[in-house]
Each structure stands twice: as structure tokens, then as C-alpha cells.
Amino acid sequence: MTQGIKSWLFAVRHKLATAGVGVLLFVIGYHVIFGVNGVIAYQHKRHESKELQQQIESLQQQNERAQEQIKALKYDPQAIEKEAREHLRYARPGEMIYTLPATKPAVTPPLSQKHPQ
């Protein structure tokens, strides 16, 4: 009889150990995929990193264009004249500047409304 109890305890202990290892593997797998530094978080951070890199490149290009414009405004007489004419509305002696009012788009009634006859 003690032999039967021992074999039963061994079988139960073996099943419990197997179940415990299974639960432990499940918890570790869940943490690897959904944890704070898991696969999902890694993909999100990688996507965010690519977006930030694109923003950096765009800002660097804007900065280069602004630096070129600053350099032109410091040393290029044609660029200085263009800026003065366009933004400050300066004119050469004897020239006249005409400013036209901004055009407003024509207002058309919606198609759903019918005109009374």
C-alpha cells in the first residue's frame, strides 16, 4: 500500500511540476511579447525612431535652405533687391507699384436648393 501511495505522489508531483513549467513558460512568453520592453514595445519604438529620423532630416534640409537664404541676403544684391521688392514693397525711382485686391471666389448656391420661379 505504501508503494501505491508513493507512485501516486510521484505522478501528482510530476504533473504539478509539468504544469508549473508550462505556466512559467506562458508568463515568460507573455512578458517577452507584451511586456514593458517586449516585442510590441520594441516595434513601436522602432517606428517612432524612423519618424523622428525623417523629421530630423526634414529640419536639416529646412535649416540648410534658411542658411543659404541668409547668405544670399548678406552678399547677393539681386536677392536683397528681390526681398525688398516682394516683402517691403520698395520700388526704384520712377517705378509705380500697383496692388490689386485679393479676389474672392464666386459664391454658388448648393445644388440641393431650388430657385423659386
PDB file of N, CA and C in Angstrom:
ATOM      1  N   MET A   1       0.817  -1.183   0.000  1.00  0.00           N
ATOM      2  CA  MET A   1       0.000   0.000   0.000  1.00  0.00           C
ATOM      3  C   MET A   1       0.869   1.258   0.000  1.00  0.00           C
ATOM      4  N   THR A   2       1.913   1.274   0.732  1.00  0.00           N
ATOM      5  CA  THR A   2       2.795   2.427   0.735  1.00  0.00           C
ATOM      6  C   THR A   2       3.441   2.619  -0.634  1.00  0.00           C
ATOM      7  N   GLN A   3       3.639   1.507  -1.336  1.00  0.00           N
ATOM      8  CA  GLN A   3       4.196   1.593  -2.686  1.00  0.00           C
ATOM      9  C   GLN A   3       3.204   2.308  -3.612  1.00  0.00           C
ATOM     10  N   GLY A   4       1.913   2.085  -3.458  1.00  0.00           N
ATOM     11  CA  GLY A   4       0.874   2.728  -4.271  1.00  0.00           C
ATOM     12  C   GLY A   4       0.791   4.220  -3.968  1.00  0.00           C
ATOM     13  N   ILE A   5       0.922   4.572  -2.683  1.00  0.00           N
ATOM     14  CA  ILE A   5       0.874   5.983  -2.300  1.00  0.00           C
ATOM     15  C   ILE A   5       2.100   6.708  -2.852  1.00  0.00           C
ATOM     16  N   LYS A   6       3.258   6.047  -2.796  1.00  0.00           N
ATOM     17  CA  LYS A   6       4.476   6.658  -3.319  1.00  0.00           C
ATOM     18  C   LYS A   6       4.363   6.887  -4.823  1.00  0.00           C
ATOM     19  N   SER A   7       3.875   5.907  -5.552  1.00  0.00           N
ATOM     20  CA  SER A   7       3.751   6.081  -7.003  1.00  0.00           C
ATOM     21  C   SER A   7       2.706   7.140  -7.326  1.00  0.00           C
ATOM     22  N   TRP A   8       1.636   7.209  -6.533  1.00  0.00           N
ATOM     23  CA  TRP A   8       0.602   8.228  -6.757  1.00  0.00           C
ATOM     24  C   TRP A   8       1.188   9.624  -6.484  1.00  0.00           C
ATOM     25  N   LEU A   9       1.937   9.791  -5.383  1.00  0.00           N
ATOM     26  CA  LEU A   9       2.557  11.070  -5.059  1.00  0.00           C
ATOM     27  C   LEU A   9       3.565  11.477  -6.139  1.00  0.00           C
ATOM     28  N   PHE A  10       4.332  10.482  -6.642  1.00  0.00           N
ATOM     29  CA  PHE A  10       5.289  10.782  -7.695  1.00  0.00           C
ATOM     30  C   PHE A  10       4.573  11.269  -8.960  1.00  0.00           C
ATOM     31  N   ALA A  11       3.483  10.642  -9.319  1.00  0.00           N
ATOM     32  CA  ALA A  11       2.730  11.016 -10.517  1.00  0.00           C
ATOM     33  C   ALA A  11       2.126  12.413 -10.348  1.00  0.00           C
ATOM     34  N   VAL A  12       1.572  12.696  -9.174  1.00  0.00           N
ATOM     35  CA  VAL A  12       0.981  14.008  -8.913  1.00  0.00           C
ATOM     36  C   VAL A  12       2.078  15.074  -8.931  1.00  0.00           C
ATOM     37  N   ARG A  13       3.174  14.777  -8.301  1.00  0.00           N
ATOM     38  CA  ARG A  13       4.277  15.723  -8.270  1.00  0.00           C
ATOM     39  C   ARG A  13       4.812  15.975  -9.675  1.00  0.00           C
ATOM     40  N   HIS A  14       4.900  14.951 -10.481  1.00  0.00           N
ATOM     41  CA  HIS A  14       5.364  15.085 -11.860  1.00  0.00           C
ATOM     42  C   HIS A  14       4.396  15.960 -12.676  1.00  0.00           C
ATOM     43  N   LYS A  15       3.090  15.738 -12.502  1.00  0.00           N
ATOM     44  CA  LYS A  15       2.086  16.548 -13.216  1.00  0.00           C
ATOM     45  C   LYS A  15       2.118  18.007 -12.751  1.00  0.00           C
ATOM     46  N   LEU A  16       2.258  18.206 -11.446  1.00  0.00           N
ATOM     47  CA  LEU A  16       2.343  19.575 -10.930  1.00  0.00           C
ATOM     48  C   LEU A  16       3.583  20.294 -11.440  1.00  0.00           C
ATOM     49  N   ALA A  17       4.699  19.597 -11.494  1.00  0.00           N
ATOM     50  CA  ALA A  17       5.929  20.200 -11.989  1.00  0.00           C
ATOM     51  C   ALA A  17       5.784  20.553 -13.474  1.00  0.00           C
ATOM     52  N   THR A  18       5.186  19.658 -14.238  1.00  0.00           N
ATOM     53  CA  THR A  18       4.971  19.927 -15.663  1.00  0.00           C
ATOM     54  C   THR A  18       4.038  21.133 -15.842  1.00  0.00           C
ATOM     55  N   ALA A  19       2.955  21.180 -15.066  1.00  0.00           N
ATOM     56  CA  ALA A  19       2.031  22.313 -15.143  1.00  0.00           C
ATOM     57  C   ALA A  19       2.733  23.606 -14.717  1.00  0.00           C
ATOM     58  N   GLY A  20       3.545  23.544 -13.679  1.00  0.00           N
ATOM     59  CA  GLY A  20       4.276  24.729 -13.214  1.00  0.00           C
ATOM     60  C   GLY A  20       5.242  25.249 -14.274  1.00  0.00           C
ATOM     61  N   VAL A  21       5.958  24.349 -14.940  1.00  0.00           N
ATOM     62  CA  VAL A  21       6.869  24.748 -16.008  1.00  0.00           C
ATOM     63  C   VAL A  21       6.076  25.362 -17.162  1.00  0.00           C
ATOM     64  N   GLY A  22       4.922  24.775 -17.486  1.00  0.00           N
ATOM     65  CA  GLY A  22       4.069  25.319 -18.551  1.00  0.00           C
ATOM     66  C   GLY A  22       3.593  26.728 -18.223  1.00  0.00           C
ATOM     67  N   VAL A  23       3.135  26.945 -16.984  1.00  0.00           N
ATOM     68  CA  VAL A  23       2.682  28.272 -16.563  1.00  0.00           C
ATOM     69  C   VAL A  23       3.848  29.253 -16.591  1.00  0.00           C
ATOM     70  N   LEU A  24       5.003  28.833 -16.141  1.00  0.00           N
ATOM     71  CA  LEU A  24       6.177  29.687 -16.148  1.00  0.00           C
ATOM     72  C   LEU A  24       6.562  30.082 -17.581  1.00  0.00           C
ATOM     73  N   LEU A  25       6.530  29.135 -18.502  1.00  0.00           N
ATOM     74  CA  LEU A  25       6.827  29.443 -19.903  1.00  0.00           C
ATOM     75  C   LEU A  25       5.794  30.405 -20.490  1.00  0.00           C
ATOM     76  N   PHE A  26       4.523  30.232 -20.118  1.00  0.00           N
ATOM     77  CA  PHE A  26       3.472  31.128 -20.593  1.00  0.00           C
ATOM     78  C   PHE A  26       3.708  32.552 -20.086  1.00  0.00           C
ATOM     79  N   VAL A  27       4.041  32.688 -18.811  1.00  0.00           N
ATOM     80  CA  VAL A  27       4.287  34.010 -18.226  1.00  0.00           C
ATOM     81  C   VAL A  27       5.501  34.666 -18.883  1.00  0.00           C
ATOM     82  N   ILE A  28       6.554  33.905 -19.081  1.00  0.00           N
ATOM     83  CA  ILE A  28       7.751  34.454 -19.722  1.00  0.00           C
ATOM     84  C   ILE A  28       7.440  34.863 -21.165  1.00  0.00           C
ATOM     85  N   GLY A  29       6.713  34.029 -21.892  1.00  0.00           N
ATOM     86  CA  GLY A  29       6.340  34.355 -23.265  1.00  0.00           C
ATOM     87  C   GLY A  29       5.474  35.600 -23.331  1.00  0.00           C
ATOM     88  N   TYR A  30       4.520  35.715 -22.419  1.00  0.00           N
ATOM     89  CA  TYR A  30       3.664  36.894 -22.377  1.00  0.00           C
ATOM     90  C   TYR A  30       4.493  38.148 -22.112  1.00  0.00           C
ATOM     91  N   HIS A  31       5.434  38.043 -21.184  1.00  0.00           N
ATOM     92  CA  HIS A  31       6.293  39.186 -20.859  1.00  0.00           C
ATOM     93  C   HIS A  31       7.181  39.561 -22.053  1.00  0.00           C
ATOM     94  N   VAL A  32       7.687  38.568 -22.774  1.00  0.00           N
ATOM     95  CA  VAL A  32       8.550  38.834 -23.932  1.00  0.00           C
ATOM     96  C   VAL A  32       7.763  39.564 -25.023  1.00  0.00           C
ATOM     97  N   ILE A  33       6.493  39.218 -25.204  1.00  0.00           N
ATOM     98  CA  ILE A  33       5.710  39.827 -26.276  1.00  0.00           C
ATOM     99  C   ILE A  33       5.065  41.136 -25.832  1.00  0.00           C
ATOM    100  N   PHE A  34       4.396  41.129 -24.694  1.00  0.00           N
ATOM    101  CA  PHE A  34       3.600  42.282 -24.274  1.00  0.00           C
ATOM    102  C   PHE A  34       4.204  43.085 -23.126  1.00  0.00           C
ATOM    103  N   GLY A  35       5.365  42.730 -22.651  1.00  0.00           N
ATOM    104  CA  GLY A  35       5.964  43.408 -21.506  1.00  0.00           C
ATOM    105  C   GLY A  35       6.427  44.813 -21.832  1.00  0.00           C
ATOM    106  N   VAL A  36       6.961  45.483 -20.819  1.00  0.00           N
ATOM    107  CA  VAL A  36       7.408  46.866 -20.947  1.00  0.00           C
ATOM    108  C   VAL A  36       8.469  46.994 -22.044  1.00  0.00           C
ATOM    109  N   ASN A  37       9.376  46.072 -22.138  1.00  0.00           N
ATOM    110  CA  ASN A  37      10.408  46.083 -23.178  1.00  0.00           C
ATOM    111  C   ASN A  37      10.223  44.915 -24.136  1.00  0.00           C
ATOM    112  N   GLY A  38       8.982  44.518 -24.343  1.00  0.00           N
ATOM    113  CA  GLY A  38       8.673  43.382 -25.196  1.00  0.00           C
ATOM    114  C   GLY A  38       8.734  43.712 -26.676  1.00  0.00           C
ATOM    115  N   VAL A  39       8.339  42.734 -27.463  1.00  0.00           N
ATOM    116  CA  VAL A  39       8.400  42.859 -28.915  1.00  0.00           C
ATOM    117  C   VAL A  39       7.498  43.993 -29.406  1.00  0.00           C
ATOM    118  N   ILE A  40       6.307  44.107 -28.860  1.00  0.00           N
ATOM    119  CA  ILE A  40       5.371  45.152 -29.284  1.00  0.00           C
ATOM    120  C   ILE A  40       5.957  46.539 -28.968  1.00  0.00           C
ATOM    121  N   ALA A  41       6.481  46.713 -27.787  1.00  0.00           N
ATOM    122  CA  ALA A  41       7.081  47.995 -27.417  1.00  0.00           C
ATOM    123  C   ALA A  41       8.296  48.291 -28.296  1.00  0.00           C
ATOM    124  N   TYR A  42       9.066  47.262 -28.614  1.00  0.00           N
ATOM    125  CA  TYR A  42      10.237  47.435 -29.482  1.00  0.00           C
ATOM    126  C   TYR A  42       9.817  47.913 -30.868  1.00  0.00           C
ATOM    127  N   GLN A  43       8.774  47.301 -31.431  1.00  0.00           N
ATOM    128  CA  GLN A  43       8.296  47.719 -32.752  1.00  0.00           C
ATOM    129  C   GLN A  43       7.777  49.153 -32.720  1.00  0.00           C
ATOM    130  N   HIS A  44       7.061  49.501 -31.656  1.00  0.00           N
ATOM    131  CA  HIS A  44       6.545  50.864 -31.528  1.00  0.00           C
ATOM    132  C   HIS A  44       7.697  51.868 -31.461  1.00  0.00           C
ATOM    133  N   LYS A  45       8.699  51.575 -30.663  1.00  0.00           N
ATOM    134  CA  LYS A  45       9.846  52.481 -30.530  1.00  0.00           C
ATOM    135  C   LYS A  45      10.644  52.555 -31.835  1.00  0.00           C
ATOM    136  N   ARG A  46      10.719  51.473 -32.556  1.00  0.00           N
ATOM    137  CA  ARG A  46      11.425  51.475 -33.828  1.00  0.00           C
ATOM    138  C   ARG A  46      10.697  52.349 -34.855  1.00  0.00           C
ATOM    139  N   HIS A  47       9.363  52.234 -34.890  1.00  0.00           N
ATOM    140  CA  HIS A  47       8.555  53.073 -35.781  1.00  0.00           C
ATOM    141  C   HIS A  47       8.708  54.548 -35.398  1.00  0.00           C
ATOM    142  N   GLU A  48       8.655  54.832 -34.120  1.00  0.00           N
ATOM    143  CA  GLU A  48       8.822  56.204 -33.629  1.00  0.00           C
ATOM    144  C   GLU A  48      10.214  56.742 -33.984  1.00  0.00           C
ATOM    145  N   SER A  49      11.218  55.895 -33.890  1.00  0.00           N
ATOM    146  CA  SER A  49      12.581  56.296 -34.232  1.00  0.00           C
ATOM    147  C   SER A  49      12.683  56.660 -35.712  1.00  0.00           C
ATOM    148  N   LYS A  50      12.043  55.893 -36.587  1.00  0.00           N
ATOM    149  CA  LYS A  50      12.067  56.203 -38.018  1.00  0.00           C
ATOM    150  C   LYS A  50      11.386  57.536 -38.295  1.00  0.00           C
ATOM    151  N   GLU A  51      10.243  57.781 -37.643  1.00  0.00           N
ATOM    152  CA  GLU A  51       9.537  59.054 -37.821  1.00  0.00           C
ATOM    153  C   GLU A  51      10.401  60.227 -37.353  1.00  0.00           C
ATOM    154  N   LEU A  52      11.040  60.076 -36.213  1.00  0.00           N
ATOM    155  CA  LEU A  52      11.894  61.140 -35.694  1.00  0.00           C
ATOM    156  C   LEU A  52      13.098  61.378 -36.611  1.00  0.00           C
ATOM    157  N   GLN A  53      13.644  60.303 -37.193  1.00  0.00           N
ATOM    158  CA  GLN A  53      14.770  60.454 -38.112  1.00  0.00           C
ATOM    159  C   GLN A  53      14.332  61.222 -39.356  1.00  0.00           C
ATOM    160  N   GLN A  54      13.123  60.954 -39.849  1.00  0.00           N
ATOM    161  CA  GLN A  54      12.610  61.690 -41.002  1.00  0.00           C
ATOM    162  C   GLN A  54      12.405  63.162 -40.650  1.00  0.00           C
ATOM    163  N   GLN A  55      11.900  63.431 -39.459  1.00  0.00           N
ATOM    164  CA  GLN A  55      11.726  64.815 -39.018  1.00  0.00           C
ATOM    165  C   GLN A  55      13.075  65.531 -38.929  1.00  0.00           C
ATOM    166  N   ILE A  56      14.073  64.832 -38.414  1.00  0.00           N
ATOM    167  CA  ILE A  56      15.411  65.422 -38.298  1.00  0.00           C
ATOM    168  C   ILE A  56      15.944  65.772 -39.679  1.00  0.00           C
ATOM    169  N   GLU A  57      15.804  64.858 -40.639  1.00  0.00           N
ATOM    170  CA  GLU A  57      16.289  65.120 -41.993  1.00  0.00           C
ATOM    171  C   GLU A  57      15.551  66.302 -42.615  1.00  0.00           C
ATOM    172  N   SER A  58      14.240  66.363 -42.405  1.00  0.00           N
ATOM    173  CA  SER A  58      13.451  67.469 -42.947  1.00  0.00           C
ATOM    174  C   SER A  58      13.889  68.799 -42.334  1.00  0.00           C
ATOM    175  N   LEU A  59      14.085  68.824 -41.027  1.00  0.00           N
ATOM    176  CA  LEU A  59      14.524  70.047 -40.358  1.00  0.00           C
ATOM    177  C   LEU A  59      15.929  70.450 -40.790  1.00  0.00           C
ATOM    178  N   GLN A  60      16.789  69.475 -41.039  1.00  0.00           N
ATOM    179  CA  GLN A  60      18.133  69.798 -41.514  1.00  0.00           C
ATOM    180  C   GLN A  60      18.083  70.427 -42.906  1.00  0.00           C
ATOM    181  N   GLN A  61      17.190  69.906 -43.768  1.00  0.00           N
ATOM    182  CA  GLN A  61      17.042  70.496 -45.101  1.00  0.00           C
ATOM    183  C   GLN A  61      16.490  71.916 -45.005  1.00  0.00           C
ATOM    184  N   GLN A  62      15.507  72.134 -44.136  1.00  0.00           N
ATOM    185  CA  GLN A  62      14.967  73.481 -43.929  1.00  0.00           C
ATOM    186  C   GLN A  62      16.066  74.419 -43.427  1.00  0.00           C
ATOM    187  N   ASN A  63      16.870  73.926 -42.513  1.00  0.00           N
ATOM    188  CA  ASN A  63      17.958  74.721 -41.950  1.00  0.00           C
ATOM    189  C   ASN A  63      18.971  75.095 -43.037  1.00  0.00           C
ATOM    190  N   GLU A  64      19.287  74.143 -43.898  1.00  0.00           N
ATOM    191  CA  GLU A  64      20.228  74.432 -44.981  1.00  0.00           C
ATOM    192  C   GLU A  64      19.665  75.495 -45.927  1.00  0.00           C
ATOM    193  N   ARG A  65      18.369  75.379 -46.270  1.00  0.00           N
ATOM    194  CA  ARG A  65      17.753  76.382 -47.139  1.00  0.00           C
ATOM    195  C   ARG A  65      17.756  77.754 -46.477  1.00  0.00           C
ATOM    196  N   ALA A  66      17.465  77.795 -45.182  1.00  0.00           N
ATOM    197  CA  ALA A  66      17.468  79.075 -44.460  1.00  0.00           C
ATOM    198  C   ALA A  66      18.876  79.659 -44.419  1.00  0.00           C
ATOM    199  N   GLN A  67      19.895  78.823 -44.224  1.00  0.00           N
ATOM    200  CA  GLN A  67      21.279  79.300 -44.206  1.00  0.00           C
ATOM    201  C   GLN A  67      21.674  79.865 -45.575  1.00  0.00           C
ATOM    202  N   GLU A  68      21.225  79.192 -46.646  1.00  0.00           N
ATOM    203  CA  GLU A  68      21.515  79.688 -47.992  1.00  0.00           C
ATOM    204  C   GLU A  68      20.826  81.027 -48.233  1.00  0.00           C
ATOM    205  N   GLN A  69      19.592  81.148 -47.762  1.00  0.00           N
ATOM    206  CA  GLN A  69      18.867  82.405 -47.931  1.00  0.00           C
ATOM    207  C   GLN A  69      19.539  83.524 -47.132  1.00  0.00           C
ATOM    208  N   ILE A  70      19.975  83.235 -45.941  1.00  0.00           N
ATOM    209  CA  ILE A  70      20.670  84.235 -45.118  1.00  0.00           C
ATOM    210  C   ILE A  70      21.960  84.677 -45.810  1.00  0.00           C
ATOM    211  N   LYS A  71      22.692  83.707 -46.332  1.00  0.00           N
ATOM    212  CA  LYS A  71      23.944  84.033 -47.027  1.00  0.00           C
ATOM    213  C   LYS A  71      23.658  84.899 -48.254  1.00  0.00           C
ATOM    214  N   ALA A  72      22.594  84.551 -49.003  1.00  0.00           N
ATOM    215  CA  ALA A  72      22.246  85.337 -50.183  1.00  0.00           C
ATOM    216  C   ALA A  72      21.842  86.751 -49.787  1.00  0.00           C
ATOM    217  N   LEU A  73      21.083  86.886 -48.693  1.00  0.00           N
ATOM    218  CA  LEU A  73      20.647  88.215 -48.265  1.00  0.00           C
ATOM    219  C   LEU A  73      21.807  89.060 -47.731  1.00  0.00           C
ATOM    220  N   LYS A  74      22.860  88.424 -47.303  1.00  0.00           N
ATOM    221  CA  LYS A  74      24.025  89.175 -46.824  1.00  0.00           C
ATOM    222  C   LYS A  74      24.906  89.658 -47.971  1.00  0.00           C
ATOM    223  N   TYR A  75      25.046  88.827 -49.020  1.00  0.00           N
ATOM    224  CA  TYR A  75      26.067  89.118 -50.022  1.00  0.00           C
ATOM    225  C   TYR A  75      25.546  89.293 -51.451  1.00  0.00           C
ATOM    226  N   ASP A  76      24.352  88.843 -51.779  1.00  0.00           N
ATOM    227  CA  ASP A  76      23.859  88.882 -53.160  1.00  0.00           C
ATOM    228  C   ASP A  76      22.923  90.072 -53.355  1.00  0.00           C
ATOM    229  N   PRO A  77      23.327  91.052 -54.143  1.00  0.00           N
ATOM    230  CA  PRO A  77      22.478  92.238 -54.340  1.00  0.00           C
ATOM    231  C   PRO A  77      21.137  91.913 -54.988  1.00  0.00           C
ATOM    232  N   GLN A  78      21.096  90.938 -55.870  1.00  0.00           N
ATOM    233  CA  GLN A  78      19.827  90.574 -56.519  1.00  0.00           C
ATOM    234  C   GLN A  78      18.840  89.986 -55.500  1.00  0.00           C
ATOM    235  N   ALA A  79      19.342  89.171 -54.584  1.00  0.00           N
ATOM    236  CA  ALA A  79      18.475  88.590 -53.555  1.00  0.00           C
ATOM    237  C   ALA A  79      17.960  89.673 -52.614  1.00  0.00           C
ATOM    238  N   ILE A  80      18.820  90.623 -52.298  1.00  0.00           N
ATOM    239  CA  ILE A  80      18.410  91.730 -51.422  1.00  0.00           C
ATOM    240  C   ILE A  80      17.333  92.548 -52.106  1.00  0.00           C
ATOM    241  N   GLU A  81      17.536  92.847 -53.402  1.00  0.00           N
ATOM    242  CA  GLU A  81      16.538  93.626 -54.137  1.00  0.00           C
ATOM    243  C   GLU A  81      15.217  92.863 -54.239  1.00  0.00           C
ATOM    244  N   LYS A  82      15.276  91.584 -54.523  1.00  0.00           N
ATOM    245  CA  LYS A  82      14.053  90.777 -54.623  1.00  0.00           C
ATOM    246  C   LYS A  82      13.277  90.798 -53.305  1.00  0.00           C
ATOM    247  N   GLU A  83      13.980  90.625 -52.212  1.00  0.00           N
ATOM    248  CA  GLU A  83      13.334  90.629 -50.895  1.00  0.00           C
ATOM    249  C   GLU A  83      12.715  91.989 -50.610  1.00  0.00           C
ATOM    250  N   ALA A  84      13.428  93.056 -50.925  1.00  0.00           N
ATOM    251  CA  ALA A  84      12.917  94.407 -50.680  1.00  0.00           C
ATOM    252  C   ALA A  84      11.681  94.677 -51.537  1.00  0.00           C
ATOM    253  N   ARG A  85      11.683  94.236 -52.779  1.00  0.00           N
ATOM    254  CA  ARG A  85      10.540  94.468 -53.656  1.00  0.00           C
ATOM    255  C   ARG A  85       9.324  93.643 -53.233  1.00  0.00           C
ATOM    256  N   GLU A  86       9.536  92.376 -52.893  1.00  0.00           N
ATOM    257  CA  GLU A  86       8.402  91.495 -52.592  1.00  0.00           C
ATOM    258  C   GLU A  86       7.809  91.750 -51.213  1.00  0.00           C
ATOM    259  N   HIS A  87       8.636  91.851 -50.211  1.00  0.00           N
ATOM    260  CA  HIS A  87       8.125  91.923 -48.838  1.00  0.00           C
ATOM    261  C   HIS A  87       7.993  93.349 -48.313  1.00  0.00           C
ATOM    262  N   LEU A  88       8.883  94.215 -48.705  1.00  0.00           N
ATOM    263  CA  LEU A  88       8.845  95.586 -48.199  1.00  0.00           C
ATOM    264  C   LEU A  88       8.174  96.544 -49.182  1.00  0.00           C
ATOM    265  N   ARG A  89       7.881  96.048 -50.393  1.00  0.00           N
ATOM    266  CA  ARG A  89       7.214  96.825 -51.449  1.00  0.00           C
ATOM    267  C   ARG A  89       7.995  98.083 -51.823  1.00  0.00           C
ATOM    268  N   TYR A  90       9.279  97.929 -51.891  1.00  0.00           N
ATOM    269  CA  TYR A  90      10.114  99.032 -52.339  1.00  0.00           C
ATOM    270  C   TYR A  90      10.099  99.082 -53.864  1.00  0.00           C
ATOM    271  N   ALA A  91      10.349 100.244 -54.395  1.00  0.00           N
ATOM    272  CA  ALA A  91      10.407 100.421 -55.849  1.00  0.00           C
ATOM    273  C   ALA A  91      11.606 101.287 -56.188  1.00  0.00           C
ATOM    274  N   ARG A  92      12.042 101.153 -57.400  1.00  0.00           N
ATOM    275  CA  ARG A  92      13.133 102.008 -57.880  1.00  0.00           C
ATOM    276  C   ARG A  92      12.549 103.378 -58.204  1.00  0.00           C
ATOM    277  N   PRO A  93      13.395 104.387 -58.262  1.00  0.00           N
ATOM    278  CA  PRO A  93      12.890 105.720 -58.631  1.00  0.00           C
ATOM    279  C   PRO A  93      12.230 105.682 -60.011  1.00  0.00           C
ATOM    280  N   GLY A  94      11.027 106.251 -60.086  1.00  0.00           N
ATOM    281  CA  GLY A  94      10.296 106.291 -61.340  1.00  0.00           C
ATOM    282  C   GLY A  94       9.358 105.114 -61.544  1.00  0.00           C
ATOM    283  N   GLU A  95       9.413 104.100 -60.714  1.00  0.00           N
ATOM    284  CA  GLU A  95       8.516 102.948 -60.852  1.00  0.00           C
ATOM    285  C   GLU A  95       7.261 103.181 -60.040  1.00  0.00           C
ATOM    286  N   MET A  96       6.166 102.561 -60.479  1.00  0.00           N
ATOM    287  CA  MET A  96       4.913 102.599 -59.725  1.00  0.00           C
ATOM    288  C   MET A  96       4.530 101.166 -59.379  1.00  0.00           C
ATOM    289  N   ILE A  97       4.044 100.988 -58.171  1.00  0.00           N
ATOM    290  CA  ILE A  97       3.606  99.665 -57.740  1.00  0.00           C
ATOM    291  C   ILE A  97       2.087  99.671 -57.651  1.00  0.00           C
ATOM    292  N   TYR A  98       1.481  98.717 -58.317  1.00  0.00           N
ATOM    293  CA  TYR A  98       0.029  98.565 -58.264  1.00  0.00           C
ATOM    294  C   TYR A  98      -0.280  97.344 -57.418  1.00  0.00           C
ATOM    295  N   THR A  99      -1.161  97.530 -56.465  1.00  0.00           N
ATOM    296  CA  THR A  99      -1.583  96.422 -55.616  1.00  0.00           C
ATOM    297  C   THR A  99      -3.045  96.137 -55.901  1.00  0.00           C
ATOM    298  N   LEU A 100      -3.331  94.922 -56.321  1.00  0.00           N
ATOM    299  CA  LEU A 100      -4.691  94.529 -56.637  1.00  0.00           C
ATOM    300  C   LEU A 100      -5.320  93.885 -55.408  1.00  0.00           C
ATOM    301  N   PRO A 101      -6.619  94.101 -55.204  1.00  0.00           N
ATOM    302  CA  PRO A 101      -7.267  93.453 -54.069  1.00  0.00           C
ATOM    303  C   PRO A 101      -7.348  91.943 -54.303  1.00  0.00           C
ATOM    304  N   ALA A 102      -7.347  91.229 -53.231  1.00  0.00           N
ATOM    305  CA  ALA A 102      -7.443  89.773 -53.322  1.00  0.00           C
ATOM    306  C   ALA A 102      -8.810  89.411 -53.872  1.00  0.00           C
ATOM    307  N   THR A 103      -8.839  88.481 -54.803  1.00  0.00           N
ATOM    308  CA  THR A 103     -10.116  88.076 -55.394  1.00  0.00           C
ATOM    309  C   THR A 103     -10.812  87.086 -54.491  1.00  0.00           C
ATOM    310  N   LYS A 104     -12.132  87.236 -54.405  1.00  0.00           N
ATOM    311  CA  LYS A 104     -12.928  86.318 -53.604  1.00  0.00           C
ATOM    312  C   LYS A 104     -13.561  85.315 -54.548  1.00  0.00           C
ATOM    313  N   PRO A 105     -13.620  84.049 -54.162  1.00  0.00           N
ATOM    314  CA  PRO A 105     -14.240  83.054 -55.035  1.00  0.00           C
ATOM    315  C   PRO A 105     -15.741  83.333 -55.165  1.00  0.00           C
ATOM    316  N   ALA A 106     -16.264  83.063 -56.334  1.00  0.00           N
ATOM    317  CA  ALA A 106     -17.692  83.284 -56.576  1.00  0.00           C
ATOM    318  C   ALA A 106     -18.501  82.327 -55.714  1.00  0.00           C
ATOM    319  N   VAL A 107     -19.551  82.846 -55.112  1.00  0.00           N
ATOM    320  CA  VAL A 107     -20.402  82.031 -54.252  1.00  0.00           C
ATOM    321  C   VAL A 107     -21.494  81.418 -55.120  1.00  0.00           C
ATOM    322  N   THR A 108     -21.563  80.107 -55.097  1.00  0.00           N
ATOM    323  CA  THR A 108     -22.617  79.425 -55.846  1.00  0.00           C
ATOM    324  C   THR A 108     -23.526  78.718 -54.854  1.00  0.00           C
ATOM    325  N   PRO A 109     -24.844  78.752 -55.105  1.00  0.00           N
ATOM    326  CA  PRO A 109     -25.752  78.091 -54.169  1.00  0.00           C
ATOM    327  C   PRO A 109     -25.606  76.582 -54.273  1.00  0.00           C
ATOM    328  N   PRO A 110     -25.836  75.856 -53.209  1.00  0.00           N
ATOM    329  CA  PRO A 110     -25.736  74.394 -53.243  1.00  0.00           C
ATOM    330  C   PRO A 110     -26.761  73.833 -54.239  1.00  0.00           C
ATOM    331  N   LEU A 111     -26.458  72.697 -54.790  1.00  0.00           N
ATOM    332  CA  LEU A 111     -27.322  72.072 -55.784  1.00  0.00           C
ATOM    333  C   LEU A 111     -28.648  71.606 -55.194  1.00  0.00           C
ATOM    334  N   SER A 112     -28.691  71.368 -53.909  1.00  0.00           N
ATOM    335  CA  SER A 112     -29.911  70.847 -53.297  1.00  0.00           C
ATOM    336  C   SER A 112     -30.998  71.923 -53.193  1.00  0.00           C
ATOM    337  N   GLN A 113     -30.620  73.189 -53.233  1.00  0.00           N
ATOM    338  CA  GLN A 113     -31.617  74.253 -53.129  1.00  0.00           C
ATOM    339  C   GLN A 113     -32.155  74.572 -54.530  1.00  0.00           C
ATOM    340  N   LYS A 114     -33.474  74.728 -54.622  1.00  0.00           N
ATOM    341  CA  LYS A 114     -34.084  75.074 -55.904  1.00  0.00           C
ATOM    342  C   LYS A 114     -34.499  76.522 -55.851  1.00  0.00           C
ATOM    343  N   HIS A 115     -34.300  77.217 -56.929  1.00  0.00           N
ATOM    344  CA  HIS A 115     -34.656  78.619 -57.004  1.00  0.00           C
ATOM    345  C   HIS A 115     -36.150  78.754 -57.245  1.00  0.00           C
ATOM    346  N   PRO A 116     -36.838  79.686 -56.540  1.00  0.00           N
ATOM    347  CA  PRO A 116     -38.259  79.900 -56.801  1.00  0.00           C
ATOM    348  C   PRO A 116     -38.456  80.546 -58.173  1.00  0.00           C
ATOM    349  N   GLN A 117     -39.544  80.191 -58.842  1.00  0.00           N
ATOM    350  CA  GLN A 117     -39.796  80.716 -60.187  1.00  0.00           C
ATOM    351  C   GLN A 117     -40.888  81.713 -60.208  1.00  0.00           C
TER     352      GLN A 117
END
